[in-house]
Amino acid sequence: MNWRDLTAEALASEVDAQTVAVLPLGATEQHGPHLPLGTDTVIADGLVDSALKALPMGLSVLRLPTLSLGQSLEHTAYPGTLTLSSTTFQGMLNDLGDAVARAGCRRLVLFSSHGGNLADAETMALALRARHAMLVVKACYFDFPPPATDPLPEREQREGLHGGALETALMLHYAPEQVITAKVSHWPSVDFTALADYRWLGAESGAGRFAWMAGDLNAAGVSGNATLATAAMGKALDGHYAGILAELIGEAARFPLSALRGSDPE
C-alpha cells in the first residue's frame, strides 16, 4: 500500500507487528548526455514497484513517498545536479524514521538506487535503530548479486555503475522515451585507463578505493558501455533485482524483533 494514499485511520489499522515500511531513495543528478537527471529516481520507483507486485498476498508493506533528492556531491560539477548536504539528508532520514516509528511501525527498509546516499543512510539507520529499537535495513541494488547468466560482461559489471549499460538498460525498460539513444556511447572508467596496471588502488573497484568526483572516472561524468544496453536486458534485470528486493522485504517482515537487544522502544 502507498502511505500517501491511505487515510490516517486506515494507516493506523494497517500497521501491525510485521508491517514493513519501504522508503525508496533516489536522486536528481547528471547521468551523461543520454539519460535524464531523474534516472536514479525512475529506477528506484521501478524496482520498488516491481518488488511490491512480487510480494506474497497478506504481507503488510507500506511504501513511503520516494525521496527524489539525495547526496550527490560527486556530480555537482555538471549542470542540473540537485544535491542535499549530508546534514540535510541525514535530517530527512531521521525525521522520516521518527514518523514511521510514531505510526507504530518498527521495520524500515531504506532502498537506494544511488550509491552516494549510502553513507548517510548507514549513519541514520544506526541512529534510528538505537533510538527506536527498530529493524532498519539498508539496501542498494548495486550490492545485490548479478543474475546467474549475467547479460553484462565482467568489465561492465565493474565500470558501468553510472550511466553505463546497467542504468541505461533499466531506463530503456522503464522510460524508453527519456533515453536519447543517438547519444549512447562507451565511456571508459579510470580503473581501466590510468589505473589499469594498479593492483590495489581503484575508484569503483579495488581493495582501496579513493573518494572521487564524477569527472575523475571519465571527463563525461559517466562510466561504462551504454551501447550494450537493450530494453530486453532492462526487463530481465528488473525481474532479477526486484525479485531479490521482494525476498528481502519478506525477510524483514518475519525477522524476530526480540533478536534486537533492548527491543523495547523508548
C-alpha atoms as a PDB file:
ATOM      1  CA  MET A   1       0.000   0.000   0.000  1.00  0.00           C
ATOM      2  CA  ASN A   2       1.083   3.558  -0.663  1.00  0.00           C
ATOM      3  CA  TRP A   3       1.464   5.531   2.553  1.00  0.00           C
ATOM      4  CA  ARG A   4       0.148   8.742   0.984  1.00  0.00           C
ATOM      5  CA  ASP A   5      -2.989   7.071  -0.434  1.00  0.00           C
ATOM      6  CA  LEU A   6      -4.296   5.979   2.972  1.00  0.00           C
ATOM      7  CA  THR A   7      -6.342   7.965   5.444  1.00  0.00           C
ATOM      8  CA  ALA A   8      -4.857   8.385   8.905  1.00  0.00           C
ATOM      9  CA  GLU A   9      -7.426   5.921  10.242  1.00  0.00           C
ATOM     10  CA  ALA A  10      -6.707   3.359   7.521  1.00  0.00           C
ATOM     11  CA  LEU A  11      -2.966   3.597   8.072  1.00  0.00           C
ATOM     12  CA  ALA A  12      -3.364   3.086  11.812  1.00  0.00           C
ATOM     13  CA  SER A  13      -5.404  -0.056  11.218  1.00  0.00           C
ATOM     14  CA  GLU A  14      -2.932  -1.365   8.623  1.00  0.00           C
ATOM     15  CA  VAL A  15       0.155  -1.295  10.842  1.00  0.00           C
ATOM     16  CA  ASP A  16       0.837  -4.414  12.869  1.00  0.00           C
ATOM     17  CA  ALA A  17       3.896  -6.087  14.385  1.00  0.00           C
ATOM     18  CA  GLN A  18       5.053  -7.406  10.988  1.00  0.00           C
ATOM     19  CA  THR A  19       4.436  -4.291   8.901  1.00  0.00           C
ATOM     20  CA  VAL A  20       7.436  -3.165   6.845  1.00  0.00           C
ATOM     21  CA  ALA A  21       7.802   0.433   5.679  1.00  0.00           C
ATOM     22  CA  VAL A  22       9.857   0.850   2.497  1.00  0.00           C
ATOM     23  CA  LEU A  23      11.499   4.195   1.738  1.00  0.00           C
ATOM     24  CA  PRO A  24      12.873   4.461  -1.832  1.00  0.00           C
ATOM     25  CA  LEU A  25      15.888   6.763  -2.071  1.00  0.00           C
ATOM     26  CA  GLY A  26      16.570   8.286  -5.469  1.00  0.00           C
ATOM     27  CA  ALA A  27      18.499  11.332  -6.660  1.00  0.00           C
ATOM     28  CA  THR A  28      18.407  14.123  -9.221  1.00  0.00           C
ATOM     29  CA  GLU A  29      21.810  14.369 -10.864  1.00  0.00           C
ATOM     30  CA  GLN A  30      23.572  14.297 -14.194  1.00  0.00           C
ATOM     31  CA  HIS A  31      23.711  10.950 -15.961  1.00  0.00           C
ATOM     32  CA  GLY A  32      25.596  11.904 -19.093  1.00  0.00           C
ATOM     33  CA  PRO A  33      24.240  13.109 -22.444  1.00  0.00           C
ATOM     34  CA  HIS A  34      21.849  10.182 -22.915  1.00  0.00           C
ATOM     35  CA  LEU A  35      19.948   9.783 -19.632  1.00  0.00           C
ATOM     36  CA  PRO A  36      17.720  12.232 -17.704  1.00  0.00           C
ATOM     37  CA  LEU A  37      18.596  13.848 -14.401  1.00  0.00           C
ATOM     38  CA  GLY A  38      15.907  11.785 -12.687  1.00  0.00           C
ATOM     39  CA  THR A  39      17.375   8.426 -13.700  1.00  0.00           C
ATOM     40  CA  ASP A  40      18.057   7.218 -10.161  1.00  0.00           C
ATOM     41  CA  THR A  41      14.544   8.134  -9.041  1.00  0.00           C
ATOM     42  CA  VAL A  42      12.942   6.374 -12.017  1.00  0.00           C
ATOM     43  CA  ILE A  43      14.969   3.252 -11.227  1.00  0.00           C
ATOM     44  CA  ALA A  44      14.166   3.381  -7.503  1.00  0.00           C
ATOM     45  CA  ASP A  45      10.457   3.665  -8.283  1.00  0.00           C
ATOM     46  CA  GLY A  46      10.599   0.934 -10.900  1.00  0.00           C
ATOM     47  CA  LEU A  47      12.400  -1.615  -8.753  1.00  0.00           C
ATOM     48  CA  VAL A  48      10.302  -0.947  -5.646  1.00  0.00           C
ATOM     49  CA  ASP A  49       7.028  -1.098  -7.591  1.00  0.00           C
ATOM     50  CA  SER A  50       8.072  -4.368  -9.253  1.00  0.00           C
ATOM     51  CA  ALA A  51       9.158  -5.809  -5.905  1.00  0.00           C
ATOM     52  CA  LEU A  52       5.856  -4.938  -4.244  1.00  0.00           C
ATOM     53  CA  LYS A  53       3.962  -6.701  -7.035  1.00  0.00           C
ATOM     54  CA  ALA A  54       6.059  -9.817  -6.403  1.00  0.00           C
ATOM     55  CA  LEU A  55       5.300  -9.975  -2.669  1.00  0.00           C
ATOM     56  CA  PRO A  56       3.057 -12.763  -1.375  1.00  0.00           C
ATOM     57  CA  MET A  57      -0.529 -11.897  -0.518  1.00  0.00           C
ATOM     58  CA  GLY A  58      -1.138 -10.896   3.066  1.00  0.00           C
ATOM     59  CA  LEU A  59       2.221  -9.235   3.684  1.00  0.00           C
ATOM     60  CA  SER A  60       1.753  -5.798   5.251  1.00  0.00           C
ATOM     61  CA  VAL A  61       4.039  -3.339   3.443  1.00  0.00           C
ATOM     62  CA  LEU A  62       3.761   0.437   3.355  1.00  0.00           C
ATOM     63  CA  ARG A  63       5.510   2.240   0.505  1.00  0.00           C
ATOM     64  CA  LEU A  64       6.671   5.676   1.583  1.00  0.00           C
ATOM     65  CA  PRO A  65       6.920   8.520  -0.964  1.00  0.00           C
ATOM     66  CA  THR A  66      10.188   8.334  -2.875  1.00  0.00           C
ATOM     67  CA  LEU A  67      12.887  10.845  -1.976  1.00  0.00           C
ATOM     68  CA  SER A  68      13.975  12.274  -5.325  1.00  0.00           C
ATOM     69  CA  LEU A  69      16.778  14.376  -3.817  1.00  0.00           C
ATOM     70  CA  GLY A  70      19.786  12.843  -2.127  1.00  0.00           C
ATOM     71  CA  GLN A  71      23.511  13.211  -1.571  1.00  0.00           C
ATOM     72  CA  SER A  72      25.031  13.938  -4.989  1.00  0.00           C
ATOM     73  CA  LEU A  73      28.117  15.997  -4.145  1.00  0.00           C
ATOM     74  CA  GLU A  74      30.219  13.995  -6.601  1.00  0.00           C
ATOM     75  CA  HIS A  75      28.119  15.258  -9.532  1.00  0.00           C
ATOM     76  CA  THR A  76      27.951  18.973  -8.722  1.00  0.00           C
ATOM     77  CA  ALA A  77      30.386  19.986 -11.480  1.00  0.00           C
ATOM     78  CA  TYR A  78      27.706  19.152 -14.063  1.00  0.00           C
ATOM     79  CA  PRO A  79      24.562  21.170 -14.880  1.00  0.00           C
ATOM     80  CA  GLY A  80      21.265  20.122 -13.359  1.00  0.00           C
ATOM     81  CA  THR A  81      22.524  18.208 -10.356  1.00  0.00           C
ATOM     82  CA  LEU A  82      20.490  18.868  -7.209  1.00  0.00           C
ATOM     83  CA  THR A  83      22.151  17.754  -4.005  1.00  0.00           C
ATOM     84  CA  LEU A  84      21.435  17.929  -0.308  1.00  0.00           C
ATOM     85  CA  SER A  85      24.148  18.364   2.276  1.00  0.00           C
ATOM     86  CA  SER A  86      24.782  15.362   4.490  1.00  0.00           C
ATOM     87  CA  THR A  87      23.319  17.319   7.394  1.00  0.00           C
ATOM     88  CA  THR A  88      20.077  17.961   5.499  1.00  0.00           C
ATOM     89  CA  PHE A  89      19.792  14.462   4.041  1.00  0.00           C
ATOM     90  CA  GLN A  90      20.504  12.793   7.358  1.00  0.00           C
ATOM     91  CA  GLY A  91      17.937  15.078   8.960  1.00  0.00           C
ATOM     92  CA  MET A  92      15.312  13.982   6.444  1.00  0.00           C
ATOM     93  CA  LEU A  93      16.035  10.307   7.049  1.00  0.00           C
ATOM     94  CA  ASN A  94      15.972  10.912  10.790  1.00  0.00           C
ATOM     95  CA  ASP A  95      12.624  12.725  10.697  1.00  0.00           C
ATOM     96  CA  LEU A  96      11.009  10.182   8.380  1.00  0.00           C
ATOM     97  CA  GLY A  97      12.283   7.332  10.536  1.00  0.00           C
ATOM     98  CA  ASP A  98      10.802   9.030  13.586  1.00  0.00           C
ATOM     99  CA  ALA A  99       7.471   9.365  11.751  1.00  0.00           C
ATOM    100  CA  VAL A 100       7.468   5.679  10.810  1.00  0.00           C
ATOM    101  CA  ALA A 101       8.128   4.760  14.441  1.00  0.00           C
ATOM    102  CA  ARG A 102       5.349   7.093  15.636  1.00  0.00           C
ATOM    103  CA  ALA A 103       2.959   5.254  13.335  1.00  0.00           C
ATOM    104  CA  GLY A 104       3.781   2.065  15.229  1.00  0.00           C
ATOM    105  CA  CYS A 105       5.946   0.513  12.517  1.00  0.00           C
ATOM    106  CA  ARG A 106       9.258  -0.917  13.721  1.00  0.00           C
ATOM    107  CA  ARG A 107      10.536  -2.347  10.445  1.00  0.00           C
ATOM    108  CA  LEU A 108      12.026   0.010   7.872  1.00  0.00           C
ATOM    109  CA  VAL A 109      13.824  -0.705   4.599  1.00  0.00           C
ATOM    110  CA  LEU A 110      15.900   2.139   3.137  1.00  0.00           C
ATOM    111  CA  PHE A 111      16.277   1.166  -0.527  1.00  0.00           C
ATOM    112  CA  SER A 112      18.628   3.324  -2.577  1.00  0.00           C
ATOM    113  CA  SER A 113      19.304   3.364  -6.296  1.00  0.00           C
ATOM    114  CA  HIS A 114      22.143   5.880  -5.857  1.00  0.00           C
ATOM    115  CA  GLY A 115      25.441   4.948  -4.254  1.00  0.00           C
ATOM    116  CA  GLY A 116      26.028   8.458  -2.931  1.00  0.00           C
ATOM    117  CA  ASN A 117      23.129   8.042  -0.496  1.00  0.00           C
ATOM    118  CA  LEU A 118      24.588   5.028   1.252  1.00  0.00           C
ATOM    119  CA  ALA A 119      26.977   6.631   3.744  1.00  0.00           C
ATOM    120  CA  ASP A 120      24.262   8.871   5.183  1.00  0.00           C
ATOM    121  CA  ALA A 121      21.728   6.030   5.152  1.00  0.00           C
ATOM    122  CA  GLU A 122      24.182   3.880   7.096  1.00  0.00           C
ATOM    123  CA  THR A 123      24.646   6.579   9.721  1.00  0.00           C
ATOM    124  CA  MET A 124      20.935   7.222  10.191  1.00  0.00           C
ATOM    125  CA  ALA A 125      19.956   3.552  10.149  1.00  0.00           C
ATOM    126  CA  LEU A 126      22.082   3.015  13.240  1.00  0.00           C
ATOM    127  CA  ALA A 127      20.710   6.148  14.914  1.00  0.00           C
ATOM    128  CA  LEU A 128      17.120   5.018  14.316  1.00  0.00           C
ATOM    129  CA  ARG A 129      17.922   1.506  15.496  1.00  0.00           C
ATOM    130  CA  ALA A 130      19.388   2.878  18.722  1.00  0.00           C
ATOM    131  CA  ARG A 131      16.591   5.348  19.386  1.00  0.00           C
ATOM    132  CA  HIS A 132      13.537   3.291  18.451  1.00  0.00           C
ATOM    133  CA  ALA A 133      14.722  -0.330  18.821  1.00  0.00           C
ATOM    134  CA  MET A 134      13.534  -0.850  15.261  1.00  0.00           C
ATOM    135  CA  LEU A 135      14.866  -3.017  12.459  1.00  0.00           C
ATOM    136  CA  VAL A 136      16.380  -0.702   9.853  1.00  0.00           C
ATOM    137  CA  VAL A 137      17.643  -2.358   6.669  1.00  0.00           C
ATOM    138  CA  LYS A 138      19.925  -0.525   4.222  1.00  0.00           C
ATOM    139  CA  ALA A 139      19.936  -1.858   0.672  1.00  0.00           C
ATOM    140  CA  CYS A 140      21.135  -0.822  -2.781  1.00  0.00           C
ATOM    141  CA  TYR A 141      20.617  -2.936  -5.867  1.00  0.00           C
ATOM    142  CA  PHE A 142      24.271  -2.408  -6.818  1.00  0.00           C
ATOM    143  CA  ASP A 143      25.094  -4.710  -3.907  1.00  0.00           C
ATOM    144  CA  PHE A 144      22.706  -7.466  -5.000  1.00  0.00           C
ATOM    145  CA  PRO A 145      24.329 -10.465  -6.726  1.00  0.00           C
ATOM    146  CA  PRO A 146      24.065 -10.405 -10.520  1.00  0.00           C
ATOM    147  CA  PRO A 147      21.869 -12.868 -12.413  1.00  0.00           C
ATOM    148  CA  ALA A 148      23.283 -16.376 -12.805  1.00  0.00           C
ATOM    149  CA  THR A 149      23.558 -15.676 -16.522  1.00  0.00           C
ATOM    150  CA  ASP A 150      24.524 -12.016 -16.280  1.00  0.00           C
ATOM    151  CA  PRO A 151      23.976 -10.216 -19.598  1.00  0.00           C
ATOM    152  CA  LEU A 152      26.757  -7.778 -18.701  1.00  0.00           C
ATOM    153  CA  PRO A 153      30.398  -8.701 -19.343  1.00  0.00           C
ATOM    154  CA  GLU A 154      32.751  -8.722 -16.360  1.00  0.00           C
ATOM    155  CA  ARG A 155      34.349  -5.402 -17.236  1.00  0.00           C
ATOM    156  CA  GLU A 156      30.973  -3.680 -17.482  1.00  0.00           C
ATOM    157  CA  GLN A 157      29.968  -5.079 -14.101  1.00  0.00           C
ATOM    158  CA  ARG A 158      32.979  -3.269 -12.652  1.00  0.00           C
ATOM    159  CA  GLU A 159      32.935   0.039 -14.522  1.00  0.00           C
ATOM    160  CA  GLY A 160      29.359   0.592 -15.663  1.00  0.00           C
ATOM    161  CA  LEU A 161      27.680   1.808 -12.479  1.00  0.00           C
ATOM    162  CA  HIS A 162      26.909   5.372 -13.562  1.00  0.00           C
ATOM    163  CA  GLY A 163      25.267   5.888 -16.920  1.00  0.00           C
ATOM    164  CA  GLY A 164      26.597   2.594 -18.265  1.00  0.00           C
ATOM    165  CA  ALA A 165      24.775  -0.459 -19.549  1.00  0.00           C
ATOM    166  CA  LEU A 166      23.028  -1.282 -16.267  1.00  0.00           C
ATOM    167  CA  GLU A 167      21.239   2.024 -15.748  1.00  0.00           C
ATOM    168  CA  THR A 168      20.670   2.559 -19.464  1.00  0.00           C
ATOM    169  CA  ALA A 169      19.055  -0.873 -19.836  1.00  0.00           C
ATOM    170  CA  LEU A 170      16.756  -0.269 -16.873  1.00  0.00           C
ATOM    171  CA  MET A 171      15.770   3.125 -18.285  1.00  0.00           C
ATOM    172  CA  LEU A 172      15.055   1.553 -21.688  1.00  0.00           C
ATOM    173  CA  HIS A 173      12.674  -0.753 -19.830  1.00  0.00           C
ATOM    174  CA  TYR A 174      11.024   1.796 -17.509  1.00  0.00           C
ATOM    175  CA  ALA A 175      11.071   5.002 -19.565  1.00  0.00           C
ATOM    176  CA  PRO A 176      12.428   4.438 -23.088  1.00  0.00           C
ATOM    177  CA  GLU A 177      11.109   7.810 -24.244  1.00  0.00           C
ATOM    178  CA  GLN A 178      13.577   9.504 -21.876  1.00  0.00           C
ATOM    179  CA  VAL A 179      16.679   7.803 -23.312  1.00  0.00           C
ATOM    180  CA  ILE A 180      18.470   9.714 -26.087  1.00  0.00           C
ATOM    181  CA  THR A 181      19.741   6.691 -27.990  1.00  0.00           C
ATOM    182  CA  ALA A 182      21.685   8.789 -30.511  1.00  0.00           C
ATOM    183  CA  LYS A 183      23.980   9.911 -27.679  1.00  0.00           C
ATOM    184  CA  VAL A 184      24.613   6.488 -26.158  1.00  0.00           C
ATOM    185  CA  SER A 185      28.332   5.686 -26.090  1.00  0.00           C
ATOM    186  CA  HIS A 186      31.125   3.931 -24.202  1.00  0.00           C
ATOM    187  CA  TRP A 187      32.844   5.974 -21.510  1.00  0.00           C
ATOM    188  CA  PRO A 188      35.824   4.009 -20.104  1.00  0.00           C
ATOM    189  CA  SER A 189      36.398   4.312 -16.361  1.00  0.00           C
ATOM    190  CA  VAL A 190      39.724   5.483 -14.960  1.00  0.00           C
ATOM    191  CA  ASP A 191      40.017   1.990 -13.448  1.00  0.00           C
ATOM    192  CA  PHE A 192      40.622   0.679 -16.973  1.00  0.00           C
ATOM    193  CA  THR A 193      42.698   3.592 -18.264  1.00  0.00           C
ATOM    194  CA  ALA A 194      45.076   5.470 -15.932  1.00  0.00           C
ATOM    195  CA  LEU A 195      44.786   2.806 -13.198  1.00  0.00           C
ATOM    196  CA  ALA A 196      44.875  -0.246 -15.446  1.00  0.00           C
ATOM    197  CA  ASP A 197      48.194  -1.505 -14.033  1.00  0.00           C
ATOM    198  CA  TYR A 198      47.394  -0.745 -10.381  1.00  0.00           C
ATOM    199  CA  ARG A 199      46.866  -3.825  -8.254  1.00  0.00           C
ATOM    200  CA  TRP A 200      45.013  -2.498  -5.199  1.00  0.00           C
ATOM    201  CA  LEU A 201      44.069   1.143  -5.756  1.00  0.00           C
ATOM    202  CA  GLY A 202      40.907   1.959  -7.640  1.00  0.00           C
ATOM    203  CA  ALA A 203      37.937   4.270  -7.942  1.00  0.00           C
ATOM    204  CA  GLU A 204      34.959   1.951  -8.428  1.00  0.00           C
ATOM    205  CA  SER A 205      36.758  -1.284  -7.618  1.00  0.00           C
ATOM    206  CA  GLY A 206      39.865  -2.343  -5.728  1.00  0.00           C
ATOM    207  CA  ALA A 207      40.930  -3.173  -2.194  1.00  0.00           C
ATOM    208  CA  GLY A 208      41.494   0.540  -1.581  1.00  0.00           C
ATOM    209  CA  ARG A 209      39.015   2.873  -3.267  1.00  0.00           C
ATOM    210  CA  PHE A 210      39.611   6.602  -3.301  1.00  0.00           C
ATOM    211  CA  ALA A 211      36.948   9.292  -2.984  1.00  0.00           C
ATOM    212  CA  TRP A 212      36.054  10.581  -6.427  1.00  0.00           C
ATOM    213  CA  MET A 213      34.138  13.293  -8.202  1.00  0.00           C
ATOM    214  CA  ALA A 214      32.316  12.080 -11.316  1.00  0.00           C
ATOM    215  CA  GLY A 215      34.822  13.697 -13.656  1.00  0.00           C
ATOM    216  CA  ASP A 216      37.594  11.629 -12.077  1.00  0.00           C
ATOM    217  CA  LEU A 217      36.033   8.493 -13.576  1.00  0.00           C
ATOM    218  CA  ASN A 218      35.640   9.953 -17.043  1.00  0.00           C
ATOM    219  CA  ALA A 219      35.533  13.551 -18.253  1.00  0.00           C
ATOM    220  CA  ALA A 220      31.931  12.996 -19.393  1.00  0.00           C
ATOM    221  CA  GLY A 221      30.897  12.359 -15.787  1.00  0.00           C
ATOM    222  CA  VAL A 222      29.690   8.845 -16.539  1.00  0.00           C
ATOM    223  CA  SER A 223      31.405   5.490 -16.929  1.00  0.00           C
ATOM    224  CA  GLY A 224      30.579   2.260 -18.678  1.00  0.00           C
ATOM    225  CA  ASN A 225      29.498   0.978 -22.063  1.00  0.00           C
ATOM    226  CA  ALA A 226      25.914   2.079 -22.537  1.00  0.00           C
ATOM    227  CA  THR A 227      25.898   0.722 -26.105  1.00  0.00           C
ATOM    228  CA  LEU A 228      25.432  -2.764 -24.626  1.00  0.00           C
ATOM    229  CA  ALA A 229      22.039  -1.849 -23.163  1.00  0.00           C
ATOM    230  CA  THR A 230      18.719  -3.073 -24.543  1.00  0.00           C
ATOM    231  CA  ALA A 231      15.146  -2.910 -23.296  1.00  0.00           C
ATOM    232  CA  ALA A 232      15.072  -6.708 -23.064  1.00  0.00           C
ATOM    233  CA  MET A 233      18.148  -6.593 -20.836  1.00  0.00           C
ATOM    234  CA  GLY A 234      16.451  -3.982 -18.675  1.00  0.00           C
ATOM    235  CA  LYS A 235      13.343  -6.126 -18.292  1.00  0.00           C
ATOM    236  CA  ALA A 236      15.439  -9.113 -17.223  1.00  0.00           C
ATOM    237  CA  LEU A 237      17.441  -7.018 -14.752  1.00  0.00           C
ATOM    238  CA  ASP A 238      14.248  -5.535 -13.318  1.00  0.00           C
ATOM    239  CA  GLY A 239      12.859  -9.011 -12.686  1.00  0.00           C
ATOM    240  CA  HIS A 240      16.089 -10.172 -11.092  1.00  0.00           C
ATOM    241  CA  TYR A 241      16.767  -7.221  -8.790  1.00  0.00           C
ATOM    242  CA  ALA A 242      13.101  -6.705  -7.880  1.00  0.00           C
ATOM    243  CA  GLY A 243      12.866 -10.389  -7.003  1.00  0.00           C
ATOM    244  CA  ILE A 244      15.757 -10.065  -4.565  1.00  0.00           C
ATOM    245  CA  LEU A 245      14.243  -6.914  -3.065  1.00  0.00           C
ATOM    246  CA  ALA A 246      10.890  -8.674  -2.612  1.00  0.00           C
ATOM    247  CA  GLU A 247      12.592 -11.541  -0.784  1.00  0.00           C
ATOM    248  CA  LEU A 248      14.498  -9.054   1.371  1.00  0.00           C
ATOM    249  CA  ILE A 249      11.283  -7.258   2.343  1.00  0.00           C
ATOM    250  CA  GLY A 250       9.721 -10.607   3.205  1.00  0.00           C
ATOM    251  CA  GLU A 251      12.667 -11.487   5.421  1.00  0.00           C
ATOM    252  CA  ALA A 252      12.423  -8.097   7.128  1.00  0.00           C
ATOM    253  CA  ALA A 253       8.754  -8.839   7.866  1.00  0.00           C
ATOM    254  CA  ARG A 254       9.477 -12.142   9.590  1.00  0.00           C
ATOM    255  CA  PHE A 255      12.650 -11.103  11.412  1.00  0.00           C
ATOM    256  CA  PRO A 256      12.073 -11.516  15.182  1.00  0.00           C
ATOM    257  CA  LEU A 257      12.364  -8.088  16.760  1.00  0.00           C
ATOM    258  CA  SER A 258      13.151  -9.844  20.020  1.00  0.00           C
ATOM    259  CA  ALA A 259      16.560 -10.610  18.490  1.00  0.00           C
ATOM    260  CA  LEU A 260      17.408  -6.915  18.771  1.00  0.00           C
ATOM    261  CA  ARG A 261      18.930  -6.260  22.168  1.00  0.00           C
ATOM    262  CA  GLY A 262      16.925  -3.675  24.054  1.00  0.00           C
ATOM    263  CA  SER A 263      13.989  -4.397  21.766  1.00  0.00           C
ATOM    264  CA  ASP A 264      11.530  -2.224  23.692  1.00  0.00           C
ATOM    265  CA  PRO A 265      11.361   1.214  22.029  1.00  0.00           C
ATOM    266  CA  GLU A 266      11.731   4.375  24.067  1.00  0.00           C
END
